[in-house]
Amino acid sequence: MPYVDGFVIAVPKAKIDAYKALSQAAGAVWKEFGALAYVECLADDVPYGELTSFPRAVQAKDDETVVFSWITYESRAARDAINAKVMADPRLKDGMANCPFDAKRMIYGGFETLLSL
């Protein structure tokens, strides 16, 4: 079963194009090094909950939207090896230096696939 890295971030609406450009570059690098899939999704039906919600989780402001993303890998070992290569790749250094979102509010983690239908 694939291994998945998941991410939730708040991106300023005015910077969606810059975020998309960064994501396209990053996704190409991840895929080049062996990721099976790289997916970025913009919030469409994401209500602000009373107790918990995607917007609350990343402290999204009125001028921001939530992005939900995931990368799939063959295994945890493959993910660890691929991520080490990606983090060392100079092609992403400029994009991350001018990051179009507040990385301190990013939620991320690695997940073992429990069920895939």
C-alpha atoms as a PDB file:
ATOM      1  CA  MET A   1       0.000   0.000   0.000  1.00  0.00           C
ATOM      2  CA  PRO A   2       1.286   3.506  -0.807  1.00  0.00           C
ATOM      3  CA  TYR A   3       2.666   5.880   1.799  1.00  0.00           C
ATOM      4  CA  VAL A   4       1.186   9.395   1.840  1.00  0.00           C
ATOM      5  CA  ASP A   5       2.454  12.770   2.987  1.00  0.00           C
ATOM      6  CA  GLY A   6      -0.454  15.136   3.666  1.00  0.00           C
ATOM      7  CA  PHE A   7      -0.428  18.926   3.962  1.00  0.00           C
ATOM      8  CA  VAL A   8      -2.909  21.669   4.857  1.00  0.00           C
ATOM      9  CA  ILE A   9      -1.915  25.327   4.472  1.00  0.00           C
ATOM     10  CA  ALA A  10      -3.463  28.785   4.214  1.00  0.00           C
ATOM     11  CA  VAL A  11      -2.486  30.661   1.057  1.00  0.00           C
ATOM     12  CA  PRO A  12      -3.270  34.345   0.486  1.00  0.00           C
ATOM     13  CA  LYS A  13      -5.827  34.578  -2.336  1.00  0.00           C
ATOM     14  CA  ALA A  14      -3.652  37.201  -4.023  1.00  0.00           C
ATOM     15  CA  LYS A  15      -0.769  34.698  -4.168  1.00  0.00           C
ATOM     16  CA  ILE A  16      -2.581  31.667  -5.637  1.00  0.00           C
ATOM     17  CA  ASP A  17      -0.791  32.056  -8.990  1.00  0.00           C
ATOM     18  CA  ALA A  18       2.624  32.203  -7.281  1.00  0.00           C
ATOM     19  CA  TYR A  19       1.673  29.182  -5.178  1.00  0.00           C
ATOM     20  CA  LYS A  20       0.580  27.263  -8.282  1.00  0.00           C
ATOM     21  CA  ALA A  21       3.885  28.041 -10.013  1.00  0.00           C
ATOM     22  CA  LEU A  22       5.844  26.858  -6.966  1.00  0.00           C
ATOM     23  CA  SER A  23       3.692  23.724  -6.755  1.00  0.00           C
ATOM     24  CA  GLN A  24       4.214  22.902 -10.424  1.00  0.00           C
ATOM     25  CA  ALA A  25       7.981  23.181  -9.993  1.00  0.00           C
ATOM     26  CA  ALA A  26       7.964  21.209  -6.742  1.00  0.00           C
ATOM     27  CA  GLY A  27       5.658  18.529  -8.120  1.00  0.00           C
ATOM     28  CA  ALA A  28       7.933  18.001 -11.116  1.00  0.00           C
ATOM     29  CA  VAL A  29      10.923  17.511  -8.808  1.00  0.00           C
ATOM     30  CA  TRP A  30       9.037  15.118  -6.504  1.00  0.00           C
ATOM     31  CA  LYS A  31       7.834  13.087  -9.493  1.00  0.00           C
ATOM     32  CA  GLU A  32      11.321  13.077 -11.056  1.00  0.00           C
ATOM     33  CA  PHE A  33      12.710  11.542  -7.871  1.00  0.00           C
ATOM     34  CA  GLY A  34      10.011   8.859  -7.714  1.00  0.00           C
ATOM     35  CA  ALA A  35       6.812  10.162  -6.099  1.00  0.00           C
ATOM     36  CA  LEU A  36       3.794   8.318  -7.506  1.00  0.00           C
ATOM     37  CA  ALA A  37       1.443  11.326  -7.364  1.00  0.00           C
ATOM     38  CA  TYR A  38       1.531  15.000  -6.349  1.00  0.00           C
ATOM     39  CA  VAL A  39      -1.869  16.662  -5.773  1.00  0.00           C
ATOM     40  CA  GLU A  40      -2.810  20.239  -4.780  1.00  0.00           C
ATOM     41  CA  CYS A  41      -6.445  21.172  -4.040  1.00  0.00           C
ATOM     42  CA  LEU A  42      -8.026  24.588  -3.361  1.00  0.00           C
ATOM     43  CA  ALA A  43     -10.832  24.864  -0.813  1.00  0.00           C
ATOM     44  CA  ASP A  44     -14.277  24.951  -2.399  1.00  0.00           C
ATOM     45  CA  ASP A  45     -16.721  23.682   0.216  1.00  0.00           C
ATOM     46  CA  VAL A  46     -14.807  24.170   3.466  1.00  0.00           C
ATOM     47  CA  PRO A  47     -16.980  25.727   6.170  1.00  0.00           C
ATOM     48  CA  TYR A  48     -15.505  27.520   9.155  1.00  0.00           C
ATOM     49  CA  GLY A  49     -16.406  25.200  12.017  1.00  0.00           C
ATOM     50  CA  GLU A  50     -17.423  26.209  15.525  1.00  0.00           C
ATOM     51  CA  LEU A  51     -14.797  23.975  17.134  1.00  0.00           C
ATOM     52  CA  THR A  52     -12.624  22.478  14.390  1.00  0.00           C
ATOM     53  CA  SER A  53     -12.261  22.872  10.641  1.00  0.00           C
ATOM     54  CA  PHE A  54      -9.629  23.180   7.939  1.00  0.00           C
ATOM     55  CA  PRO A  55      -9.661  27.010   8.124  1.00  0.00           C
ATOM     56  CA  ARG A  56      -9.343  26.949  11.929  1.00  0.00           C
ATOM     57  CA  ALA A  57      -6.550  24.385  11.798  1.00  0.00           C
ATOM     58  CA  VAL A  58      -4.313  26.694   9.747  1.00  0.00           C
ATOM     59  CA  GLN A  59      -5.642  29.947  11.214  1.00  0.00           C
ATOM     60  CA  ALA A  60      -6.832  31.069   7.763  1.00  0.00           C
ATOM     61  CA  LYS A  61      -7.563  34.771   7.495  1.00  0.00           C
ATOM     62  CA  ASP A  62     -10.350  36.362   5.445  1.00  0.00           C
ATOM     63  CA  ASP A  63      -7.971  37.021   2.550  1.00  0.00           C
ATOM     64  CA  GLU A  64      -6.646  33.440   2.501  1.00  0.00           C
ATOM     65  CA  THR A  65      -7.885  30.118   1.192  1.00  0.00           C
ATOM     66  CA  VAL A  66      -7.091  26.602   2.380  1.00  0.00           C
ATOM     67  CA  VAL A  67      -4.970  24.272   0.270  1.00  0.00           C
ATOM     68  CA  PHE A  68      -5.115  20.526   0.903  1.00  0.00           C
ATOM     69  CA  SER A  69      -2.296  18.531  -0.687  1.00  0.00           C
ATOM     70  CA  TRP A  70      -0.807  15.095  -0.743  1.00  0.00           C
ATOM     71  CA  ILE A  71       2.093  13.202  -2.236  1.00  0.00           C
ATOM     72  CA  THR A  72       2.040   9.426  -2.597  1.00  0.00           C
ATOM     73  CA  TYR A  73       5.021   7.114  -2.544  1.00  0.00           C
ATOM     74  CA  GLU A  74       5.632   3.406  -2.967  1.00  0.00           C
ATOM     75  CA  SER A  75       6.611   3.064   0.722  1.00  0.00           C
ATOM     76  CA  ARG A  76       7.872   4.956   3.769  1.00  0.00           C
ATOM     77  CA  ALA A  77      11.450   4.071   2.808  1.00  0.00           C
ATOM     78  CA  ALA A  78      10.877   5.452  -0.705  1.00  0.00           C
ATOM     79  CA  ARG A  79       9.348   8.618   0.794  1.00  0.00           C
ATOM     80  CA  ASP A  80      12.326   9.170   3.073  1.00  0.00           C
ATOM     81  CA  ALA A  81      14.805   8.713   0.202  1.00  0.00           C
ATOM     82  CA  ILE A  82      12.801  10.905  -2.199  1.00  0.00           C
ATOM     83  CA  ASN A  83      12.324  13.689   0.355  1.00  0.00           C
ATOM     84  CA  ALA A  84      16.061  13.733   1.114  1.00  0.00           C
ATOM     85  CA  LYS A  85      16.767  14.261  -2.604  1.00  0.00           C
ATOM     86  CA  VAL A  86      14.039  16.903  -2.957  1.00  0.00           C
ATOM     87  CA  MET A  87      15.256  18.892   0.060  1.00  0.00           C
ATOM     88  CA  ALA A  88      18.804  18.907  -1.366  1.00  0.00           C
ATOM     89  CA  ASP A  89      17.693  19.920  -4.872  1.00  0.00           C
ATOM     90  CA  PRO A  90      18.733  23.505  -5.724  1.00  0.00           C
ATOM     91  CA  ARG A  91      15.784  24.023  -8.116  1.00  0.00           C
ATOM     92  CA  LEU A  92      13.407  24.616  -5.190  1.00  0.00           C
ATOM     93  CA  LYS A  93      15.601  26.905  -3.091  1.00  0.00           C
ATOM     94  CA  ASP A  94      14.477  30.170  -4.755  1.00  0.00           C
ATOM     95  CA  GLY A  95      10.783  29.276  -4.592  1.00  0.00           C
ATOM     96  CA  MET A  96      10.978  28.403  -0.928  1.00  0.00           C
ATOM     97  CA  ALA A  97      12.992  31.537  -0.159  1.00  0.00           C
ATOM     98  CA  ASN A  98      10.051  33.541  -1.535  1.00  0.00           C
ATOM     99  CA  CYS A  99       7.414  31.208  -0.139  1.00  0.00           C
ATOM    100  CA  PRO A 100       3.903  32.487  -1.003  1.00  0.00           C
ATOM    101  CA  PHE A 101       2.393  31.246   2.287  1.00  0.00           C
ATOM    102  CA  ASP A 102       3.158  31.221   6.016  1.00  0.00           C
ATOM    103  CA  ALA A 103       4.947  27.888   6.456  1.00  0.00           C
ATOM    104  CA  LYS A 104       4.663  28.188  10.251  1.00  0.00           C
ATOM    105  CA  ARG A 105       0.928  27.470   9.952  1.00  0.00           C
ATOM    106  CA  MET A 106       1.359  24.425   7.706  1.00  0.00           C
ATOM    107  CA  ILE A 107       0.066  21.111   9.022  1.00  0.00           C
ATOM    108  CA  TYR A 108       1.792  18.063   7.601  1.00  0.00           C
ATOM    109  CA  GLY A 109       2.533  14.445   8.321  1.00  0.00           C
ATOM    110  CA  GLY A 110       3.192  11.019   6.874  1.00  0.00           C
ATOM    111  CA  PHE A 111       0.519   8.347   6.769  1.00  0.00           C
ATOM    112  CA  GLU A 112       0.397   4.623   6.132  1.00  0.00           C
ATOM    113  CA  THR A 113      -2.470   3.683   3.840  1.00  0.00           C
ATOM    114  CA  LEU A 114      -5.169   1.913   5.850  1.00  0.00           C
ATOM    115  CA  LEU A 115      -7.598   1.263   3.009  1.00  0.00           C
ATOM    116  CA  SER A 116      -7.611   1.960  -0.696  1.00  0.00           C
ATOM    117  CA  LEU A 117     -10.635   0.990  -2.819  1.00  0.00           C
END
